[in-house]
């Protein structure tokens, strides 16, 4: 005997529904991830695009953690070497009890880019200064000459313990520790997480 379930589409405010849906791309390669802090829904899935008649539907099912957070991994077909002119359209479907949510969220890929932390940091004494060398994240797009990164160094002075930041690769020699982060220098993306503090004794 067949069973039929009737689902009612929610009429809640779209911004409230998707306020906690956040997406991040660690590079301009073809994958990005999304998280959704909404424990009120039992299952959820995402897809790029809205029209399933003119193109195949490729849904990404969300895995739900104990904290009620859904996690998704999606792929796109944008070329990383051309200027982005069209927004990505993300369709969200979720079910809670007898309610179904169907919403869309639009954004440019460049707006969700946030690099991983730099992969390695070294330094060399040059007179009374340190020359800091920062290697891009291993996950960052290549060639690095095309996909350039802007770096920021935070360091703590040895004499007074004050913390300072610098965008220059040359910083004072008399420091006790440093850490670094990076971002896309072309679109001024979100900063990467800081690397762990490294002790300096030069």
N, C-alpha and C. Protein backbone atom coordinates (compact mmCIF):
# COMPACT_ATOMS: atom_id res chain seq x y z
N UNK A 1 0.85 -1.20 0.00
CA UNK A 1 0.00 0.00 0.00
C UNK A 1 0.88 1.25 0.00
N UNK A 2 0.69 2.12 -0.96
CA UNK A 2 1.50 3.32 -1.08
C UNK A 2 1.05 4.37 -0.08
N UNK A 3 2.04 5.15 0.40
CA UNK A 3 1.76 6.24 1.34
C UNK A 3 2.08 7.57 0.68
N UNK A 4 1.31 8.58 1.00
CA UNK A 4 1.52 9.92 0.47
C UNK A 4 1.71 10.89 1.61
N UNK A 5 2.79 11.69 1.52
CA UNK A 5 3.07 12.68 2.55
C UNK A 5 2.92 14.07 1.95
N UNK A 6 2.21 14.93 2.63
CA UNK A 6 2.01 16.30 2.17
C UNK A 6 2.96 17.22 2.92
N UNK A 7 3.81 17.93 2.16
CA UNK A 7 4.75 18.87 2.75
C UNK A 7 4.32 20.29 2.39
N UNK A 8 4.31 21.16 3.38
CA UNK A 8 3.94 22.55 3.18
C UNK A 8 5.19 23.40 3.08
N UNK A 9 5.25 24.27 2.04
CA UNK A 9 6.42 25.12 1.89
C UNK A 9 6.35 26.26 2.90
N UNK A 10 7.48 26.45 3.59
CA UNK A 10 7.52 27.49 4.61
C UNK A 10 7.44 28.87 3.98
N UNK A 11 6.79 29.78 4.69
CA UNK A 11 6.69 31.16 4.21
C UNK A 11 7.47 32.11 5.10
N UNK A 12 8.41 31.55 5.86
CA UNK A 12 9.22 32.40 6.73
C UNK A 12 10.13 33.29 5.88
N UNK A 13 10.66 34.28 6.52
CA UNK A 13 11.52 35.23 5.83
C UNK A 13 12.78 34.55 5.32
N UNK A 14 13.12 34.80 4.06
CA UNK A 14 14.26 34.13 3.44
C UNK A 14 15.56 34.49 4.13
N UNK A 15 15.74 35.74 4.52
CA UNK A 15 16.98 36.15 5.17
C UNK A 15 17.16 35.43 6.50
N UNK A 16 16.07 35.25 7.25
CA UNK A 16 16.17 34.54 8.52
C UNK A 16 16.55 33.09 8.31
N UNK A 17 15.97 32.45 7.30
CA UNK A 17 16.26 31.04 7.03
C UNK A 17 17.72 30.81 6.69
N UNK A 18 18.29 31.69 5.88
CA UNK A 18 19.63 31.47 5.35
C UNK A 18 20.70 32.33 6.00
N UNK A 19 20.34 33.00 7.09
CA UNK A 19 21.30 33.90 7.73
C UNK A 19 22.56 33.16 8.17
N UNK A 20 22.41 31.92 8.62
CA UNK A 20 23.55 31.18 9.14
C UNK A 20 24.16 30.24 8.11
N UNK A 21 23.74 30.33 6.84
CA UNK A 21 24.36 29.54 5.78
C UNK A 21 25.58 30.29 5.27
N UNK A 22 26.75 29.71 5.48
CA UNK A 22 28.01 30.37 5.11
C UNK A 22 28.83 29.45 4.21
N UNK A 23 29.36 30.03 3.15
CA UNK A 23 30.17 29.26 2.20
C UNK A 23 31.58 29.83 2.15
N UNK A 24 32.54 28.95 1.87
CA UNK A 24 33.94 29.35 1.83
C UNK A 24 34.69 28.57 0.77
N UNK A 25 35.49 29.29 -0.01
CA UNK A 25 36.39 28.68 -0.99
C UNK A 25 37.82 29.02 -0.57
N UNK A 26 38.66 28.00 -0.42
CA UNK A 26 40.05 28.25 -0.01
C UNK A 26 40.93 28.64 -1.19
N UNK A 27 40.38 28.59 -2.41
CA UNK A 27 41.10 28.99 -3.62
C UNK A 27 40.08 29.21 -4.72
N UNK A 28 40.58 29.42 -5.96
CA UNK A 28 39.68 29.59 -7.10
C UNK A 28 39.49 28.28 -7.87
N UNK A 29 39.91 27.18 -7.28
CA UNK A 29 39.69 25.88 -7.89
C UNK A 29 38.21 25.55 -7.84
N UNK A 30 37.85 24.33 -8.29
CA UNK A 30 36.44 24.05 -8.59
C UNK A 30 35.59 23.66 -7.38
N UNK A 31 36.15 23.60 -6.18
CA UNK A 31 35.36 23.18 -5.03
C UNK A 31 35.22 24.29 -3.99
N UNK A 32 34.09 24.29 -3.29
CA UNK A 32 33.93 25.13 -2.11
C UNK A 32 33.02 24.41 -1.13
N UNK A 33 33.01 24.85 0.10
CA UNK A 33 32.23 24.20 1.15
C UNK A 33 31.25 25.19 1.77
N UNK A 34 30.17 24.67 2.32
CA UNK A 34 29.18 25.49 3.01
C UNK A 34 28.83 24.83 4.34
N UNK A 35 28.52 25.64 5.32
CA UNK A 35 28.00 25.16 6.60
C UNK A 35 26.71 25.90 6.90
N UNK A 36 25.81 25.21 7.60
CA UNK A 36 24.51 25.80 7.91
C UNK A 36 24.14 25.43 9.35
N UNK A 37 24.13 26.44 10.20
CA UNK A 37 23.78 26.24 11.61
C UNK A 37 22.27 26.37 11.78
N UNK A 38 21.55 25.32 11.45
CA UNK A 38 20.10 25.36 11.59
C UNK A 38 19.61 23.98 12.02
N UNK A 39 19.54 23.77 13.34
CA UNK A 39 19.20 22.46 13.87
C UNK A 39 17.71 22.15 13.74
N UNK A 40 16.90 23.11 13.27
CA UNK A 40 15.48 22.88 13.16
C UNK A 40 15.08 21.97 12.01
N UNK A 41 16.00 21.76 11.05
CA UNK A 41 15.70 20.92 9.90
C UNK A 41 16.34 19.54 10.06
N UNK A 42 15.64 18.52 9.56
CA UNK A 42 16.10 17.14 9.71
C UNK A 42 17.07 16.75 8.61
N UNK A 43 16.76 17.14 7.37
CA UNK A 43 17.64 16.86 6.23
C UNK A 43 17.73 18.11 5.39
N UNK A 44 18.85 18.26 4.65
CA UNK A 44 19.04 19.43 3.81
C UNK A 44 19.95 19.08 2.65
N UNK A 45 19.78 19.80 1.55
CA UNK A 45 20.65 19.61 0.40
C UNK A 45 20.79 20.93 -0.35
N UNK A 46 21.89 21.07 -1.10
CA UNK A 46 22.18 22.28 -1.86
C UNK A 46 22.52 21.90 -3.29
N UNK A 47 22.27 22.85 -4.19
CA UNK A 47 22.72 22.69 -5.57
C UNK A 47 22.96 24.06 -6.17
N UNK A 48 23.84 24.13 -7.16
CA UNK A 48 24.05 25.35 -7.91
C UNK A 48 23.04 25.44 -9.03
N UNK A 49 22.39 26.58 -9.16
CA UNK A 49 21.38 26.77 -10.17
C UNK A 49 19.99 26.44 -9.63
N UNK A 50 18.99 26.83 -10.39
CA UNK A 50 17.61 26.62 -9.93
C UNK A 50 16.80 25.77 -10.90
N UNK A 51 17.13 25.83 -12.18
CA UNK A 51 16.31 25.17 -13.20
C UNK A 51 16.80 23.75 -13.44
N UNK A 52 15.98 22.76 -13.09
CA UNK A 52 16.33 21.35 -13.30
C UNK A 52 15.80 20.82 -14.63
N UNK A 53 15.13 21.65 -15.41
CA UNK A 53 14.58 21.19 -16.68
C UNK A 53 15.58 21.37 -17.82
N UNK A 54 16.31 22.48 -17.79
CA UNK A 54 17.26 22.75 -18.87
C UNK A 54 18.64 22.17 -18.58
N UNK A 55 18.91 21.74 -17.35
CA UNK A 55 20.21 21.17 -17.00
C UNK A 55 20.00 20.14 -15.89
N UNK A 56 20.89 19.14 -15.82
CA UNK A 56 20.73 18.09 -14.81
C UNK A 56 20.85 18.67 -13.39
N UNK A 57 20.13 18.08 -12.47
CA UNK A 57 20.20 18.48 -11.06
C UNK A 57 21.28 17.67 -10.36
N UNK A 58 22.25 18.35 -9.79
CA UNK A 58 23.29 17.69 -9.02
C UNK A 58 23.23 18.24 -7.59
N UNK A 59 22.59 17.51 -6.73
CA UNK A 59 22.41 17.95 -5.35
C UNK A 59 23.57 17.47 -4.48
N UNK A 60 23.95 18.29 -3.51
CA UNK A 60 24.93 17.91 -2.50
C UNK A 60 24.17 17.73 -1.19
N UNK A 61 24.09 16.50 -0.71
CA UNK A 61 23.41 16.23 0.55
C UNK A 61 24.27 16.68 1.71
N UNK A 62 23.62 17.28 2.71
CA UNK A 62 24.35 17.76 3.87
C UNK A 62 24.53 16.68 4.92
N UNK A 63 25.73 16.63 5.51
CA UNK A 63 25.96 15.76 6.66
C UNK A 63 25.76 16.60 7.92
N UNK A 64 24.98 16.08 8.85
CA UNK A 64 24.60 16.84 10.03
C UNK A 64 25.37 16.35 11.24
N UNK A 65 26.06 17.27 11.92
CA UNK A 65 26.82 16.92 13.11
C UNK A 65 25.96 16.95 14.36
N UNK A 66 26.58 16.59 15.49
CA UNK A 66 25.85 16.56 16.75
C UNK A 66 25.36 17.94 17.18
N UNK A 67 26.05 18.98 16.72
CA UNK A 67 25.65 20.35 17.07
C UNK A 67 24.55 20.89 16.16
N UNK A 68 24.01 20.05 15.27
CA UNK A 68 22.95 20.49 14.38
C UNK A 68 23.43 21.23 13.15
N UNK A 69 24.74 21.29 12.94
CA UNK A 69 25.30 22.00 11.79
C UNK A 69 25.40 21.07 10.58
N UNK A 70 24.85 21.54 9.46
CA UNK A 70 24.99 20.82 8.20
C UNK A 70 26.28 21.25 7.51
N UNK A 71 26.93 20.29 6.86
CA UNK A 71 28.13 20.58 6.08
C UNK A 71 27.94 20.05 4.66
N UNK A 72 28.39 20.86 3.68
CA UNK A 72 28.22 20.51 2.27
C UNK A 72 29.53 20.76 1.52
N UNK A 73 29.75 19.99 0.47
CA UNK A 73 30.86 20.23 -0.45
C UNK A 73 30.28 20.30 -1.86
N UNK A 74 30.55 21.40 -2.56
CA UNK A 74 29.99 21.62 -3.90
C UNK A 74 31.11 21.92 -4.88
N UNK A 75 30.79 21.79 -6.16
CA UNK A 75 31.75 22.12 -7.21
C UNK A 75 31.12 23.11 -8.18
N UNK A 76 31.96 23.90 -8.83
CA UNK A 76 31.50 24.87 -9.82
C UNK A 76 32.36 24.74 -11.08
N UNK A 77 31.93 25.37 -12.14
CA UNK A 77 32.64 25.26 -13.42
C UNK A 77 33.21 26.60 -13.87
N UNK A 78 33.36 27.55 -12.96
CA UNK A 78 33.89 28.86 -13.33
C UNK A 78 35.38 28.76 -13.64
N UNK A 79 35.82 29.50 -14.65
CA UNK A 79 37.25 29.54 -14.97
C UNK A 79 37.95 30.48 -14.00
N UNK A 80 39.04 30.05 -13.38
CA UNK A 80 39.75 30.94 -12.45
C UNK A 80 40.55 32.03 -13.15
N UNK A 81 40.64 31.97 -14.49
CA UNK A 81 41.49 32.92 -15.23
C UNK A 81 40.70 34.03 -15.91
N UNK A 82 39.40 34.05 -15.74
CA UNK A 82 38.59 35.10 -16.33
C UNK A 82 37.87 35.89 -15.24
N UNK A 83 37.56 37.14 -15.55
CA UNK A 83 36.86 37.98 -14.58
C UNK A 83 35.44 37.46 -14.37
N UNK A 84 35.06 37.38 -13.13
CA UNK A 84 33.75 36.83 -12.77
C UNK A 84 32.67 37.86 -13.03
N UNK A 85 31.70 37.52 -13.90
CA UNK A 85 30.64 38.46 -14.26
C UNK A 85 29.27 37.99 -13.81
N UNK A 86 29.13 36.71 -13.49
CA UNK A 86 27.84 36.16 -13.14
C UNK A 86 27.87 35.59 -11.73
N UNK A 87 26.83 35.88 -10.96
CA UNK A 87 26.76 35.39 -9.60
C UNK A 87 26.40 33.91 -9.58
N UNK A 88 26.94 33.19 -8.61
CA UNK A 88 26.51 31.83 -8.36
C UNK A 88 25.16 31.86 -7.66
N UNK A 89 24.27 30.97 -8.07
CA UNK A 89 22.95 30.88 -7.44
C UNK A 89 22.84 29.53 -6.74
N UNK A 90 22.70 29.57 -5.45
CA UNK A 90 22.65 28.36 -4.64
C UNK A 90 21.22 28.10 -4.20
N UNK A 91 20.71 26.93 -4.54
CA UNK A 91 19.37 26.54 -4.13
C UNK A 91 19.46 25.65 -2.89
N UNK A 92 18.66 25.98 -1.89
CA UNK A 92 18.64 25.24 -0.63
C UNK A 92 17.29 24.56 -0.47
N UNK A 93 17.30 23.28 -0.17
CA UNK A 93 16.08 22.55 0.18
C UNK A 93 16.31 21.85 1.52
N UNK A 94 15.33 21.95 2.41
CA UNK A 94 15.43 21.32 3.72
C UNK A 94 14.05 20.93 4.20
N UNK A 95 14.01 19.89 5.03
CA UNK A 95 12.73 19.38 5.53
C UNK A 95 12.76 19.30 7.04
N UNK A 96 11.70 19.79 7.67
CA UNK A 96 11.49 19.68 9.11
C UNK A 96 10.04 19.29 9.34
N UNK A 97 9.83 18.10 9.89
CA UNK A 97 8.49 17.59 10.12
C UNK A 97 7.72 17.60 8.80
N UNK A 98 6.63 18.38 8.67
CA UNK A 98 5.87 18.43 7.43
C UNK A 98 6.08 19.76 6.69
N UNK A 99 7.20 20.41 6.97
CA UNK A 99 7.52 21.69 6.35
C UNK A 99 8.72 21.50 5.43
N UNK A 100 8.65 22.08 4.23
CA UNK A 100 9.78 22.05 3.31
C UNK A 100 10.24 23.49 3.04
N UNK A 101 11.54 23.69 3.09
CA UNK A 101 12.13 24.99 2.80
C UNK A 101 12.76 24.94 1.41
N UNK A 102 12.48 25.95 0.60
CA UNK A 102 13.11 26.07 -0.71
C UNK A 102 13.48 27.53 -0.91
N UNK A 103 14.77 27.81 -0.87
CA UNK A 103 15.25 29.19 -0.96
C UNK A 103 16.47 29.25 -1.86
N UNK A 104 16.82 30.45 -2.30
CA UNK A 104 18.03 30.65 -3.09
C UNK A 104 18.90 31.71 -2.43
N UNK A 105 20.19 31.56 -2.65
CA UNK A 105 21.17 32.51 -2.12
C UNK A 105 22.15 32.80 -3.25
N UNK A 106 22.44 34.06 -3.51
CA UNK A 106 23.31 34.44 -4.62
C UNK A 106 24.56 35.14 -4.10
N UNK A 107 25.69 34.84 -4.74
CA UNK A 107 26.95 35.47 -4.35
C UNK A 107 27.98 35.24 -5.46
N UNK A 108 29.00 36.09 -5.46
CA UNK A 108 30.14 35.88 -6.35
C UNK A 108 31.14 34.96 -5.64
N UNK A 109 31.83 34.16 -6.43
CA UNK A 109 32.84 33.27 -5.85
C UNK A 109 33.89 34.09 -5.11
N UNK A 110 34.26 35.23 -5.66
CA UNK A 110 35.30 36.05 -5.05
C UNK A 110 34.91 36.53 -3.66
N UNK A 111 33.59 36.59 -3.39
CA UNK A 111 33.14 37.06 -2.08
C UNK A 111 33.25 36.00 -1.00
N UNK A 112 33.44 34.74 -1.38
CA UNK A 112 33.55 33.69 -0.37
C UNK A 112 34.97 33.12 -0.28
N UNK A 113 35.91 33.71 -1.04
CA UNK A 113 37.28 33.22 -1.00
C UNK A 113 37.94 33.63 0.32
N UNK A 114 38.50 32.66 1.00
CA UNK A 114 39.31 32.88 2.20
C UNK A 114 40.42 31.84 2.20
N UNK A 115 41.65 32.26 1.93
CA UNK A 115 42.74 31.28 1.86
C UNK A 115 42.96 30.57 3.20
N UNK A 116 43.57 29.39 3.11
CA UNK A 116 44.07 28.75 4.32
C UNK A 116 45.27 29.53 4.84
N UNK A 117 45.74 29.19 6.03
CA UNK A 117 46.92 29.84 6.59
C UNK A 117 48.15 29.55 5.73
N UNK A 118 49.11 30.48 5.68
CA UNK A 118 50.35 30.21 4.94
C UNK A 118 50.98 28.89 5.39
N UNK A 119 51.64 28.22 4.44
CA UNK A 119 52.14 26.87 4.73
C UNK A 119 53.44 26.85 5.52
N UNK A 120 54.26 27.90 5.35
CA UNK A 120 55.55 27.91 6.05
C UNK A 120 56.05 29.34 6.21
N UNK A 121 56.72 29.58 7.33
CA UNK A 121 57.26 30.92 7.62
C UNK A 121 58.69 30.76 8.09
N UNK A 122 59.61 31.47 7.45
CA UNK A 122 61.01 31.48 7.87
C UNK A 122 61.49 32.92 7.93
N UNK A 123 62.65 33.13 8.56
CA UNK A 123 63.20 34.48 8.66
C UNK A 123 64.71 34.43 8.68
N UNK A 124 65.29 35.58 8.34
CA UNK A 124 66.75 35.71 8.30
C UNK A 124 67.12 37.11 8.76
N UNK A 125 68.14 37.19 9.62
CA UNK A 125 68.59 38.49 10.13
C UNK A 125 69.30 39.27 9.03
N UNK A 126 68.90 40.54 8.87
CA UNK A 126 69.54 41.46 7.92
C UNK A 126 69.84 42.73 8.69
N UNK A 127 71.05 42.84 9.26
CA UNK A 127 71.37 43.97 10.11
C UNK A 127 70.49 43.97 11.35
N UNK A 128 69.79 45.07 11.57
CA UNK A 128 68.90 45.19 12.73
C UNK A 128 67.46 44.79 12.41
N UNK A 129 67.26 44.12 11.28
CA UNK A 129 65.92 43.72 10.88
C UNK A 129 65.86 42.22 10.58
N UNK A 130 64.67 41.73 10.47
CA UNK A 130 64.43 40.36 10.04
C UNK A 130 63.72 40.40 8.69
N UNK A 131 64.21 39.59 7.76
CA UNK A 131 63.51 39.42 6.49
C UNK A 131 62.67 38.15 6.59
N UNK A 132 61.36 38.31 6.53
CA UNK A 132 60.44 37.19 6.71
C UNK A 132 60.01 36.66 5.35
N UNK A 133 60.12 35.35 5.18
CA UNK A 133 59.68 34.69 3.95
C UNK A 133 58.44 33.85 4.25
N UNK A 134 57.39 34.09 3.49
CA UNK A 134 56.10 33.44 3.74
C UNK A 134 55.69 32.65 2.51
N UNK A 135 55.45 31.36 2.67
CA UNK A 135 55.04 30.51 1.56
C UNK A 135 53.51 30.41 1.51
N UNK A 136 52.93 30.47 0.31
CA UNK A 136 51.46 30.41 0.18
C UNK A 136 50.91 29.09 0.71
N UNK A 137 49.64 29.06 1.04
CA UNK A 137 49.01 27.79 1.45
C UNK A 137 49.12 26.77 0.32
N UNK A 138 49.27 25.50 0.67
CA UNK A 138 49.36 24.45 -0.34
C UNK A 138 48.05 24.34 -1.13
N UNK A 139 46.94 24.78 -0.54
CA UNK A 139 45.64 24.69 -1.21
C UNK A 139 45.38 25.87 -2.14
N UNK A 140 46.25 26.88 -2.18
CA UNK A 140 46.00 28.07 -2.96
C UNK A 140 46.20 27.82 -4.45
N UNK A 141 45.46 28.56 -5.27
CA UNK A 141 45.52 28.40 -6.72
C UNK A 141 46.91 28.73 -7.26
N UNK A 142 47.28 28.07 -8.33
CA UNK A 142 48.56 28.33 -8.97
C UNK A 142 48.32 28.65 -10.45
N UNK A 143 49.26 29.33 -11.11
CA UNK A 143 50.57 29.75 -10.58
C UNK A 143 50.44 30.93 -9.61
N UNK A 144 51.31 30.94 -8.63
CA UNK A 144 51.24 31.97 -7.60
C UNK A 144 51.59 33.35 -8.14
N UNK A 145 52.30 33.39 -9.27
CA UNK A 145 52.61 34.68 -9.89
C UNK A 145 51.35 35.35 -10.42
N UNK A 146 50.35 34.55 -10.77
CA UNK A 146 49.07 35.07 -11.25
C UNK A 146 48.11 35.28 -10.09
N UNK A 147 48.02 34.29 -9.21
CA UNK A 147 47.13 34.38 -8.05
C UNK A 147 47.97 34.86 -6.86
N UNK A 148 48.21 36.15 -6.83
CA UNK A 148 49.11 36.70 -5.81
C UNK A 148 48.39 36.88 -4.47
N UNK A 149 49.17 36.82 -3.41
CA UNK A 149 48.66 36.97 -2.05
C UNK A 149 49.33 38.14 -1.35
N UNK A 150 48.57 38.81 -0.53
CA UNK A 150 49.07 39.86 0.35
C UNK A 150 49.25 39.26 1.74
N UNK A 151 50.41 39.49 2.35
CA UNK A 151 50.70 38.93 3.67
C UNK A 151 50.70 40.00 4.75
N UNK A 152 50.36 39.60 5.95
CA UNK A 152 50.44 40.48 7.11
C UNK A 152 51.15 39.73 8.24
N UNK A 153 52.06 40.41 8.88
CA UNK A 153 52.84 39.84 9.98
C UNK A 153 52.46 40.53 11.27
N UNK A 154 52.20 39.77 12.30
CA UNK A 154 52.01 40.32 13.63
C UNK A 154 53.16 39.82 14.49
N UNK A 155 53.80 40.75 15.21
CA UNK A 155 54.96 40.39 16.02
C UNK A 155 54.90 41.09 17.37
N UNK A 156 55.63 40.54 18.32
CA UNK A 156 55.67 41.10 19.68
C UNK A 156 57.10 41.55 19.96
N UNK A 157 57.25 42.82 20.30
CA UNK A 157 58.57 43.38 20.59
C UNK A 157 59.12 42.79 21.88
N UNK A 158 60.41 42.50 21.86
CA UNK A 158 61.05 41.85 23.01
C UNK A 158 61.18 42.82 24.19
N UNK A 159 61.37 44.11 23.93
CA UNK A 159 61.64 45.07 25.00
C UNK A 159 60.41 45.39 25.84
N UNK A 160 59.29 45.70 25.18
CA UNK A 160 58.10 46.16 25.92
C UNK A 160 56.89 45.25 25.78
N UNK A 161 57.00 44.20 24.98
CA UNK A 161 55.89 43.26 24.85
C UNK A 161 54.74 43.76 24.00
N UNK A 162 54.92 44.88 23.31
CA UNK A 162 53.84 45.40 22.47
C UNK A 162 53.71 44.59 21.19
N UNK A 163 52.46 44.38 20.77
CA UNK A 163 52.17 43.66 19.53
C UNK A 163 51.97 44.67 18.41
N UNK A 164 52.59 44.43 17.27
CA UNK A 164 52.47 45.31 16.12
C UNK A 164 52.23 44.48 14.87
N UNK A 165 51.67 45.13 13.84
CA UNK A 165 51.40 44.46 12.57
C UNK A 165 52.15 45.17 11.45
N UNK A 166 52.54 44.39 10.44
CA UNK A 166 53.27 44.96 9.32
C UNK A 166 52.92 44.20 8.04
N UNK A 167 52.81 44.94 6.93
CA UNK A 167 52.62 44.33 5.62
C UNK A 167 53.95 44.19 4.88
N UNK A 168 55.02 44.68 5.49
CA UNK A 168 56.35 44.59 4.89
C UNK A 168 57.02 43.29 5.33
N UNK A 169 57.87 42.75 4.46
CA UNK A 169 58.62 41.53 4.80
C UNK A 169 59.77 41.82 5.73
N UNK A 170 60.11 43.11 5.93
CA UNK A 170 61.17 43.50 6.86
C UNK A 170 60.55 44.02 8.14
N UNK A 171 60.91 43.42 9.26
CA UNK A 171 60.38 43.82 10.57
C UNK A 171 61.55 43.95 11.55
N UNK A 172 61.35 44.59 12.70
CA UNK A 172 62.44 44.73 13.66
C UNK A 172 63.01 43.37 14.07
N UNK A 173 64.31 43.36 14.34
CA UNK A 173 64.98 42.10 14.71
C UNK A 173 64.67 41.69 16.15
N UNK A 174 64.53 42.67 17.03
CA UNK A 174 64.37 42.36 18.45
C UNK A 174 62.90 42.08 18.79
N UNK A 175 62.44 40.92 18.37
CA UNK A 175 61.08 40.50 18.69
C UNK A 175 61.13 39.13 19.36
N UNK A 176 60.05 38.81 20.06
CA UNK A 176 60.02 37.52 20.78
C UNK A 176 59.25 36.45 20.02
N UNK A 177 58.27 36.86 19.21
CA UNK A 177 57.49 35.88 18.46
C UNK A 177 56.75 36.57 17.32
N UNK A 178 56.27 35.77 16.38
CA UNK A 178 55.51 36.31 15.25
C UNK A 178 54.52 35.27 14.74
N UNK A 179 53.54 35.77 13.99
CA UNK A 179 52.60 34.92 13.28
C UNK A 179 52.18 35.66 12.01
N UNK A 180 51.62 34.96 11.04
CA UNK A 180 51.31 35.59 9.76
C UNK A 180 49.94 35.12 9.26
N UNK A 181 49.38 35.88 8.34
CA UNK A 181 48.17 35.51 7.64
C UNK A 181 48.22 36.09 6.24
N UNK A 182 47.29 35.71 5.36
CA UNK A 182 47.33 36.16 3.98
C UNK A 182 45.91 36.36 3.44
N UNK A 183 45.83 37.04 2.31
CA UNK A 183 44.56 37.20 1.60
C UNK A 183 44.84 37.48 0.13
N UNK A 184 43.83 37.29 -0.69
CA UNK A 184 43.96 37.59 -2.12
C UNK A 184 44.24 39.08 -2.28
N UNK A 185 45.34 39.42 -2.92
CA UNK A 185 45.72 40.83 -3.04
C UNK A 185 44.93 41.56 -4.12
N UNK A 186 44.27 40.80 -5.03
CA UNK A 186 43.54 41.45 -6.11
C UNK A 186 42.14 41.88 -5.68
N UNK A 187 41.39 40.96 -5.07
CA UNK A 187 40.03 41.30 -4.66
C UNK A 187 39.94 41.65 -3.18
N UNK A 188 41.08 41.61 -2.48
CA UNK A 188 41.11 41.87 -1.03
C UNK A 188 40.08 40.98 -0.33
N UNK A 189 40.31 39.69 -0.44
CA UNK A 189 39.42 38.70 0.15
C UNK A 189 39.48 38.75 1.67
N UNK A 190 38.71 37.89 2.31
CA UNK A 190 38.82 37.74 3.76
C UNK A 190 40.21 37.22 4.11
N UNK A 191 40.74 37.65 5.24
CA UNK A 191 42.05 37.17 5.69
C UNK A 191 41.97 35.70 6.05
N UNK A 192 43.05 34.99 5.81
CA UNK A 192 43.16 33.61 6.27
C UNK A 192 43.24 33.58 7.79
N UNK A 193 43.05 32.42 8.40
CA UNK A 193 43.35 32.31 9.84
C UNK A 193 44.84 32.58 10.07
N UNK A 194 45.16 33.06 11.25
CA UNK A 194 46.57 33.25 11.61
C UNK A 194 47.27 31.91 11.74
N UNK A 195 48.55 31.88 11.41
CA UNK A 195 49.37 30.73 11.73
C UNK A 195 49.59 30.72 13.26
N UNK A 196 49.99 29.59 13.84
CA UNK A 196 50.35 29.59 15.27
C UNK A 196 51.53 30.52 15.52
N UNK A 197 51.63 31.06 16.70
CA UNK A 197 52.77 31.90 17.08
C UNK A 197 54.06 31.10 16.98
N UNK A 198 55.12 31.74 16.47
CA UNK A 198 56.44 31.11 16.42
C UNK A 198 57.41 31.95 17.23
N UNK A 199 58.16 31.30 18.11
CA UNK A 199 59.16 32.01 18.91
C UNK A 199 60.33 32.41 18.03
N UNK A 200 60.88 33.60 18.29
CA UNK A 200 61.99 34.13 17.52
C UNK A 200 63.14 34.44 18.47
N UNK A 201 64.31 33.89 18.19
CA UNK A 201 65.50 34.15 19.02
C UNK A 201 66.70 34.30 18.09
N UNK A 202 66.84 35.53 17.57
CA UNK A 202 67.93 35.80 16.61
C UNK A 202 68.82 36.90 17.16
